[in-house]
Amino acid sequence: MAFTYYDDLSDNRSKVRFYLQDTTNGGGPKPADANFTDAEIDGLITAEGSWQRAVAGGFEALEAAWRRYPNFSTDGLSVSRTDIADGYAAKAKVWRTDYGTSAATAASTRAGSRAVTRKDAYSDTYDNVTA
């Protein structure tokens, strides 16, 4: 797993890592202090089309990574991973508002992430789906 970060933010990968606070190898923002790999960050930049939208995509990935772990409490200690996921979701929303959604993300949303309303019980025609 390659990890590259330049603290002068001289490349797009370093800019993405800076805003995701993924700047220390072995001390990343993912669960178990895991880092994004260089390939993952490069893939985000390519898929999203800009380093700014890649930051939003990174926050969305972090939300999903943390959301899969349960909250727990024991002996008066409570750990809410939902709060961590919600924090990343809020950051993703801000970056999406400021920098938009890539064509790939928009297509993914249209393809299956929205609820659809069927016109009737028999046809394959939907009221709220656009191509």
N, C-alpha and C. Protein backbone atom coordinates (compact mmCIF):
# COMPACT_ATOMS: atom_id res chain seq x y z
N MET A 1 0.85 -1.18 0.00
CA MET A 1 0.00 0.00 0.00
C MET A 1 0.90 1.24 0.00
N ALA A 2 0.83 1.97 -1.08
CA ALA A 2 1.64 3.19 -1.20
C ALA A 2 0.94 4.35 -0.48
N PHE A 3 1.76 5.15 0.19
CA PHE A 3 1.27 6.34 0.87
C PHE A 3 2.23 7.48 0.56
N THR A 4 1.73 8.51 -0.11
CA THR A 4 2.55 9.66 -0.46
C THR A 4 1.83 10.93 -0.02
N TYR A 5 2.57 11.79 0.69
CA TYR A 5 2.01 13.08 1.11
C TYR A 5 3.13 14.11 1.14
N TYR A 6 2.89 15.24 0.48
CA TYR A 6 3.84 16.36 0.50
C TYR A 6 3.17 17.51 1.25
N ASP A 7 3.79 17.95 2.35
CA ASP A 7 3.15 18.97 3.17
C ASP A 7 3.14 20.36 2.55
N ASP A 8 3.78 20.53 1.39
CA ASP A 8 3.66 21.80 0.67
C ASP A 8 2.46 21.79 -0.28
N LEU A 9 1.70 20.68 -0.26
CA LEU A 9 0.49 20.51 -1.07
C LEU A 9 0.76 20.77 -2.55
N SER A 10 1.89 20.25 -3.02
CA SER A 10 2.32 20.49 -4.39
C SER A 10 1.64 19.61 -5.43
N ASP A 11 0.87 18.64 -5.00
CA ASP A 11 0.13 17.81 -5.96
C ASP A 11 -1.30 17.60 -5.46
N ASN A 12 -2.17 17.18 -6.37
CA ASN A 12 -3.60 17.02 -6.02
C ASN A 12 -3.82 15.95 -4.97
N ARG A 13 -3.04 14.88 -5.01
CA ARG A 13 -3.19 13.83 -4.01
C ARG A 13 -2.94 14.39 -2.61
N SER A 14 -1.91 15.20 -2.46
CA SER A 14 -1.60 15.79 -1.15
C SER A 14 -2.69 16.74 -0.69
N LYS A 15 -3.28 17.47 -1.64
CA LYS A 15 -4.38 18.37 -1.28
C LYS A 15 -5.56 17.57 -0.74
N VAL A 16 -5.89 16.47 -1.41
CA VAL A 16 -7.00 15.62 -0.94
C VAL A 16 -6.67 15.07 0.44
N ARG A 17 -5.46 14.54 0.61
CA ARG A 17 -5.06 13.99 1.91
C ARG A 17 -5.14 15.07 3.01
N PHE A 18 -4.71 16.29 2.70
CA PHE A 18 -4.72 17.37 3.69
C PHE A 18 -6.13 17.62 4.20
N TYR A 19 -7.09 17.77 3.30
CA TYR A 19 -8.45 18.08 3.73
C TYR A 19 -9.15 16.90 4.39
N LEU A 20 -8.76 15.68 4.04
CA LEU A 20 -9.32 14.50 4.70
C LEU A 20 -8.58 14.18 6.00
N GLN A 21 -7.53 14.95 6.30
CA GLN A 21 -6.66 14.72 7.45
C GLN A 21 -6.09 13.30 7.43
N ASP A 22 -5.60 12.93 6.25
CA ASP A 22 -4.96 11.64 6.01
C ASP A 22 -3.49 11.89 5.69
N THR A 23 -2.80 12.57 6.61
CA THR A 23 -1.45 13.06 6.34
C THR A 23 -0.35 12.28 7.03
N THR A 24 -0.68 11.34 7.89
CA THR A 24 0.32 10.56 8.62
C THR A 24 0.13 9.09 8.32
N ASN A 25 1.16 8.48 7.74
CA ASN A 25 1.09 7.06 7.43
C ASN A 25 0.90 6.25 8.71
N GLY A 26 -0.13 5.43 8.75
CA GLY A 26 -0.44 4.64 9.94
C GLY A 26 -1.35 5.35 10.92
N GLY A 27 -1.76 6.56 10.60
CA GLY A 27 -2.66 7.33 11.47
C GLY A 27 -3.74 8.00 10.66
N GLY A 28 -4.39 7.22 9.81
CA GLY A 28 -5.38 7.76 8.89
C GLY A 28 -6.76 7.92 9.49
N PRO A 29 -7.68 8.50 8.71
CA PRO A 29 -9.03 8.77 9.20
C PRO A 29 -9.99 7.59 9.12
N LYS A 30 -9.59 6.51 8.48
CA LYS A 30 -10.46 5.34 8.39
C LYS A 30 -10.45 4.59 9.72
N PRO A 31 -11.40 3.70 9.92
CA PRO A 31 -11.37 2.87 11.13
C PRO A 31 -10.03 2.15 11.27
N ALA A 32 -9.61 1.92 12.48
CA ALA A 32 -8.34 1.28 12.81
C ALA A 32 -7.15 2.11 12.33
N ASP A 33 -7.33 3.43 12.23
CA ASP A 33 -6.28 4.36 11.82
C ASP A 33 -5.72 4.06 10.44
N ALA A 34 -6.51 3.44 9.60
CA ALA A 34 -6.07 3.11 8.23
C ALA A 34 -6.06 4.37 7.37
N ASN A 35 -5.17 4.36 6.40
CA ASN A 35 -5.05 5.45 5.44
C ASN A 35 -5.72 5.07 4.13
N PHE A 36 -6.07 6.08 3.35
CA PHE A 36 -6.40 5.84 1.95
C PHE A 36 -5.08 5.50 1.24
N THR A 37 -5.14 4.60 0.28
CA THR A 37 -3.95 4.32 -0.52
C THR A 37 -3.81 5.40 -1.58
N ASP A 38 -2.61 5.53 -2.13
CA ASP A 38 -2.41 6.46 -3.24
C ASP A 38 -3.36 6.13 -4.38
N ALA A 39 -3.53 4.84 -4.66
CA ALA A 39 -4.41 4.42 -5.76
C ALA A 39 -5.86 4.83 -5.50
N GLU A 40 -6.31 4.71 -4.25
CA GLU A 40 -7.68 5.13 -3.93
C GLU A 40 -7.86 6.63 -4.14
N ILE A 41 -6.90 7.41 -3.68
CA ILE A 41 -7.01 8.87 -3.84
C ILE A 41 -6.94 9.24 -5.32
N ASP A 42 -6.01 8.63 -6.05
CA ASP A 42 -5.92 8.91 -7.49
C ASP A 42 -7.20 8.51 -8.20
N GLY A 43 -7.79 7.39 -7.79
CA GLY A 43 -9.06 6.96 -8.37
C GLY A 43 -10.19 7.93 -8.09
N LEU A 44 -10.22 8.46 -6.87
CA LEU A 44 -11.24 9.47 -6.53
C LEU A 44 -11.07 10.72 -7.40
N ILE A 45 -9.83 11.17 -7.57
CA ILE A 45 -9.59 12.37 -8.36
C ILE A 45 -10.04 12.13 -9.81
N THR A 46 -9.73 10.96 -10.34
CA THR A 46 -10.13 10.64 -11.71
C THR A 46 -11.65 10.54 -11.83
N ALA A 47 -12.27 9.81 -10.93
CA ALA A 47 -13.72 9.61 -10.99
C ALA A 47 -14.49 10.90 -10.78
N GLU A 48 -14.01 11.73 -9.87
CA GLU A 48 -14.73 12.97 -9.54
C GLU A 48 -14.40 14.12 -10.48
N GLY A 49 -13.22 14.09 -11.11
CA GLY A 49 -12.87 15.11 -12.08
C GLY A 49 -12.14 16.33 -11.52
N SER A 50 -12.00 16.43 -10.21
CA SER A 50 -11.23 17.51 -9.60
C SER A 50 -10.84 17.07 -8.20
N TRP A 51 -9.77 17.69 -7.68
CA TRP A 51 -9.37 17.30 -6.34
C TRP A 51 -10.40 17.74 -5.30
N GLN A 52 -11.11 18.85 -5.58
CA GLN A 52 -12.11 19.32 -4.63
C GLN A 52 -13.27 18.33 -4.50
N ARG A 53 -13.77 17.84 -5.65
CA ARG A 53 -14.84 16.84 -5.59
C ARG A 53 -14.32 15.51 -5.04
N ALA A 54 -13.02 15.24 -5.25
CA ALA A 54 -12.43 14.03 -4.66
C ALA A 54 -12.45 14.11 -3.14
N VAL A 55 -12.28 15.31 -2.58
CA VAL A 55 -12.39 15.48 -1.13
C VAL A 55 -13.81 15.11 -0.68
N ALA A 56 -14.81 15.60 -1.41
CA ALA A 56 -16.20 15.25 -1.08
C ALA A 56 -16.40 13.74 -1.15
N GLY A 57 -15.88 13.12 -2.21
CA GLY A 57 -15.98 11.67 -2.34
C GLY A 57 -15.26 10.94 -1.23
N GLY A 58 -14.14 11.49 -0.79
CA GLY A 58 -13.41 10.89 0.33
C GLY A 58 -14.20 10.95 1.62
N PHE A 59 -14.83 12.10 1.87
CA PHE A 59 -15.68 12.22 3.06
C PHE A 59 -16.86 11.24 2.98
N GLU A 60 -17.42 11.05 1.78
CA GLU A 60 -18.51 10.08 1.62
C GLU A 60 -18.02 8.66 1.89
N ALA A 61 -16.82 8.35 1.44
CA ALA A 61 -16.24 7.03 1.70
C ALA A 61 -16.00 6.83 3.20
N LEU A 62 -15.52 7.88 3.86
CA LEU A 62 -15.30 7.79 5.31
C LEU A 62 -16.61 7.61 6.06
N GLU A 63 -17.65 8.31 5.61
CA GLU A 63 -18.96 8.11 6.24
C GLU A 63 -19.39 6.65 6.15
N ALA A 64 -19.27 6.07 4.96
CA ALA A 64 -19.67 4.68 4.77
C ALA A 64 -18.80 3.73 5.60
N ALA A 65 -17.51 4.01 5.67
CA ALA A 65 -16.61 3.15 6.43
C ALA A 65 -16.95 3.15 7.92
N TRP A 66 -17.28 4.32 8.46
CA TRP A 66 -17.60 4.40 9.88
C TRP A 66 -19.02 3.94 10.17
N ARG A 67 -19.94 4.11 9.22
CA ARG A 67 -21.33 3.76 9.45
C ARG A 67 -21.51 2.25 9.64
N ARG A 68 -20.61 1.45 9.13
CA ARG A 68 -20.78 0.00 9.21
C ARG A 68 -20.43 -0.58 10.58
N TYR A 69 -19.86 0.24 11.46
CA TYR A 69 -19.50 -0.23 12.80
C TYR A 69 -20.58 0.18 13.81
N PRO A 70 -20.92 -0.70 14.73
CA PRO A 70 -21.99 -0.38 15.69
C PRO A 70 -21.52 0.57 16.79
N ASN A 71 -22.49 1.27 17.35
CA ASN A 71 -22.25 2.04 18.56
C ASN A 71 -22.23 1.06 19.73
N PHE A 72 -21.52 1.40 20.79
CA PHE A 72 -21.56 0.54 21.96
C PHE A 72 -21.27 1.35 23.22
N SER A 73 -21.66 0.77 24.34
CA SER A 73 -21.32 1.37 25.63
C SER A 73 -21.06 0.25 26.62
N THR A 74 -20.12 0.51 27.52
CA THR A 74 -19.77 -0.45 28.55
C THR A 74 -19.13 0.29 29.72
N ASP A 75 -19.46 -0.11 30.89
CA ASP A 75 -18.86 0.46 32.11
C ASP A 75 -18.84 1.99 32.10
N GLY A 76 -19.94 2.60 31.64
CA GLY A 76 -20.04 4.05 31.64
C GLY A 76 -19.38 4.73 30.46
N LEU A 77 -18.73 3.97 29.58
CA LEU A 77 -18.10 4.53 28.39
C LEU A 77 -19.01 4.28 27.20
N SER A 78 -19.26 5.31 26.43
CA SER A 78 -20.11 5.19 25.25
C SER A 78 -19.34 5.64 24.02
N VAL A 79 -19.38 4.83 22.98
CA VAL A 79 -18.72 5.16 21.72
C VAL A 79 -19.78 5.20 20.64
N SER A 80 -19.92 6.37 20.00
CA SER A 80 -20.92 6.54 18.95
C SER A 80 -20.22 6.72 17.61
N ARG A 81 -20.12 5.64 16.88
CA ARG A 81 -19.53 5.73 15.54
C ARG A 81 -20.50 6.40 14.57
N THR A 82 -21.78 6.41 14.94
CA THR A 82 -22.75 7.13 14.13
C THR A 82 -22.42 8.62 14.11
N ASP A 83 -21.99 9.15 15.25
CA ASP A 83 -21.60 10.57 15.30
C ASP A 83 -20.42 10.85 14.38
N ILE A 84 -19.46 9.94 14.32
CA ILE A 84 -18.31 10.09 13.44
C ILE A 84 -18.79 10.10 11.99
N ALA A 85 -19.63 9.13 11.64
CA ALA A 85 -20.16 9.04 10.27
C ALA A 85 -20.97 10.28 9.92
N ASP A 86 -21.79 10.76 10.85
CA ASP A 86 -22.58 11.97 10.61
C ASP A 86 -21.69 13.18 10.36
N GLY A 87 -20.59 13.27 11.09
CA GLY A 87 -19.65 14.37 10.89
C GLY A 87 -19.06 14.35 9.49
N TYR A 88 -18.67 13.17 9.02
CA TYR A 88 -18.13 13.06 7.67
C TYR A 88 -19.22 13.36 6.62
N ALA A 89 -20.45 12.94 6.89
CA ALA A 89 -21.55 13.23 5.95
C ALA A 89 -21.77 14.74 5.84
N ALA A 90 -21.69 15.44 6.97
CA ALA A 90 -21.87 16.89 6.95
C ALA A 90 -20.76 17.57 6.16
N LYS A 91 -19.52 17.10 6.33
CA LYS A 91 -18.40 17.67 5.58
C LYS A 91 -18.57 17.39 4.09
N ALA A 92 -18.99 16.18 3.74
CA ALA A 92 -19.22 15.85 2.33
C ALA A 92 -20.27 16.77 1.72
N LYS A 93 -21.32 17.02 2.47
CA LYS A 93 -22.40 17.89 1.98
C LYS A 93 -21.88 19.30 1.69
N VAL A 94 -21.04 19.83 2.56
CA VAL A 94 -20.48 21.17 2.36
C VAL A 94 -19.63 21.19 1.09
N TRP A 95 -18.77 20.18 0.94
CA TRP A 95 -17.90 20.14 -0.24
C TRP A 95 -18.72 19.92 -1.51
N ARG A 96 -19.78 19.12 -1.46
CA ARG A 96 -20.65 18.93 -2.63
C ARG A 96 -21.38 20.22 -2.97
N THR A 97 -21.82 20.95 -1.96
CA THR A 97 -22.49 22.22 -2.19
C THR A 97 -21.54 23.21 -2.85
N ASP A 98 -20.31 23.26 -2.38
CA ASP A 98 -19.34 24.21 -2.91
C ASP A 98 -18.79 23.82 -4.28
N TYR A 99 -18.61 22.51 -4.53
CA TYR A 99 -17.89 22.08 -5.74
C TYR A 99 -18.69 21.17 -6.66
N GLY A 100 -19.88 20.79 -6.28
CA GLY A 100 -20.74 20.03 -7.17
C GLY A 100 -20.50 18.53 -7.14
N THR A 101 -21.20 17.88 -8.03
CA THR A 101 -21.17 16.43 -8.16
C THR A 101 -20.60 16.08 -9.52
N SER A 102 -19.77 15.07 -9.55
CA SER A 102 -19.21 14.63 -10.83
C SER A 102 -20.29 13.94 -11.65
N ALA A 103 -20.05 13.81 -12.94
CA ALA A 103 -21.00 13.12 -13.82
C ALA A 103 -21.17 11.67 -13.38
N ALA A 104 -20.09 11.03 -12.92
CA ALA A 104 -20.16 9.64 -12.47
C ALA A 104 -21.02 9.51 -11.23
N THR A 105 -20.87 10.43 -10.28
CA THR A 105 -21.68 10.39 -9.06
C THR A 105 -23.14 10.65 -9.38
N ALA A 106 -23.40 11.61 -10.26
CA ALA A 106 -24.78 11.92 -10.65
C ALA A 106 -25.43 10.73 -11.33
N ALA A 107 -24.69 10.05 -12.21
CA ALA A 107 -25.24 8.88 -12.90
C ALA A 107 -25.53 7.76 -11.91
N SER A 108 -24.65 7.58 -10.93
CA SER A 108 -24.86 6.56 -9.91
C SER A 108 -26.11 6.86 -9.11
N THR A 109 -26.31 8.12 -8.78
CA THR A 109 -27.50 8.53 -8.02
C THR A 109 -28.75 8.26 -8.84
N ARG A 110 -28.72 8.61 -10.12
CA ARG A 110 -29.89 8.37 -10.97
C ARG A 110 -30.15 6.88 -11.12
N ALA A 111 -29.08 6.08 -11.15
CA ALA A 111 -29.23 4.65 -11.42
C ALA A 111 -29.86 3.88 -10.28
N GLY A 112 -29.67 4.29 -9.04
CA GLY A 112 -30.23 3.42 -8.02
C GLY A 112 -30.26 3.94 -6.61
N SER A 113 -29.90 5.16 -6.39
CA SER A 113 -29.84 5.65 -5.03
C SER A 113 -31.07 6.45 -4.64
N ARG A 114 -32.01 6.63 -5.55
CA ARG A 114 -33.21 7.40 -5.24
C ARG A 114 -34.42 6.49 -5.20
N ALA A 115 -35.41 6.91 -4.46
CA ALA A 115 -36.68 6.20 -4.49
C ALA A 115 -37.40 6.57 -5.78
N VAL A 116 -38.10 5.61 -6.34
CA VAL A 116 -38.87 5.87 -7.56
C VAL A 116 -40.34 5.65 -7.29
N THR A 117 -41.16 6.31 -8.08
CA THR A 117 -42.61 6.16 -7.96
C THR A 117 -43.12 5.56 -9.26
N ARG A 118 -43.66 4.36 -9.19
CA ARG A 118 -44.19 3.67 -10.36
C ARG A 118 -45.55 4.27 -10.71
N LYS A 119 -45.79 4.51 -12.01
CA LYS A 119 -47.07 5.10 -12.44
C LYS A 119 -48.25 4.19 -12.12
N ASP A 120 -48.05 2.89 -12.29
CA ASP A 120 -49.09 1.94 -11.94
C ASP A 120 -48.41 0.62 -11.56
N ALA A 121 -49.17 -0.35 -11.19
CA ALA A 121 -48.59 -1.59 -10.71
C ALA A 121 -48.14 -2.52 -11.83
N TYR A 122 -48.36 -2.17 -13.08
CA TYR A 122 -48.10 -3.09 -14.17
C TYR A 122 -47.02 -2.63 -15.15
N SER A 123 -46.81 -1.34 -15.30
CA SER A 123 -45.91 -0.85 -16.33
C SER A 123 -44.49 -0.68 -15.78
N ASP A 124 -43.56 -0.45 -16.69
CA ASP A 124 -42.21 -0.11 -16.31
C ASP A 124 -41.98 1.39 -16.47
N THR A 125 -43.01 2.17 -16.33
CA THR A 125 -42.93 3.61 -16.44
C THR A 125 -42.97 4.23 -15.04
N TYR A 126 -42.07 5.20 -14.81
CA TYR A 126 -41.95 5.80 -13.50
C TYR A 126 -42.20 7.30 -13.59
N ASP A 127 -42.78 7.86 -12.54
CA ASP A 127 -43.11 9.29 -12.50
C ASP A 127 -41.88 10.17 -12.30
N ASN A 128 -40.93 9.75 -11.47
CA ASN A 128 -39.89 10.67 -11.03
C ASN A 128 -38.48 10.25 -11.44
N VAL A 129 -38.31 9.53 -12.53
CA VAL A 129 -37.00 9.12 -12.99
C VAL A 129 -36.66 9.85 -14.26
N THR A 130 -35.47 10.47 -14.28
CA THR A 130 -35.01 11.14 -15.48
C THR A 130 -33.80 10.39 -16.01
N ALA A 131 -33.61 10.45 -17.29
CA ALA A 131 -32.48 9.74 -17.92
C ALA A 131 -31.20 10.50 -17.75
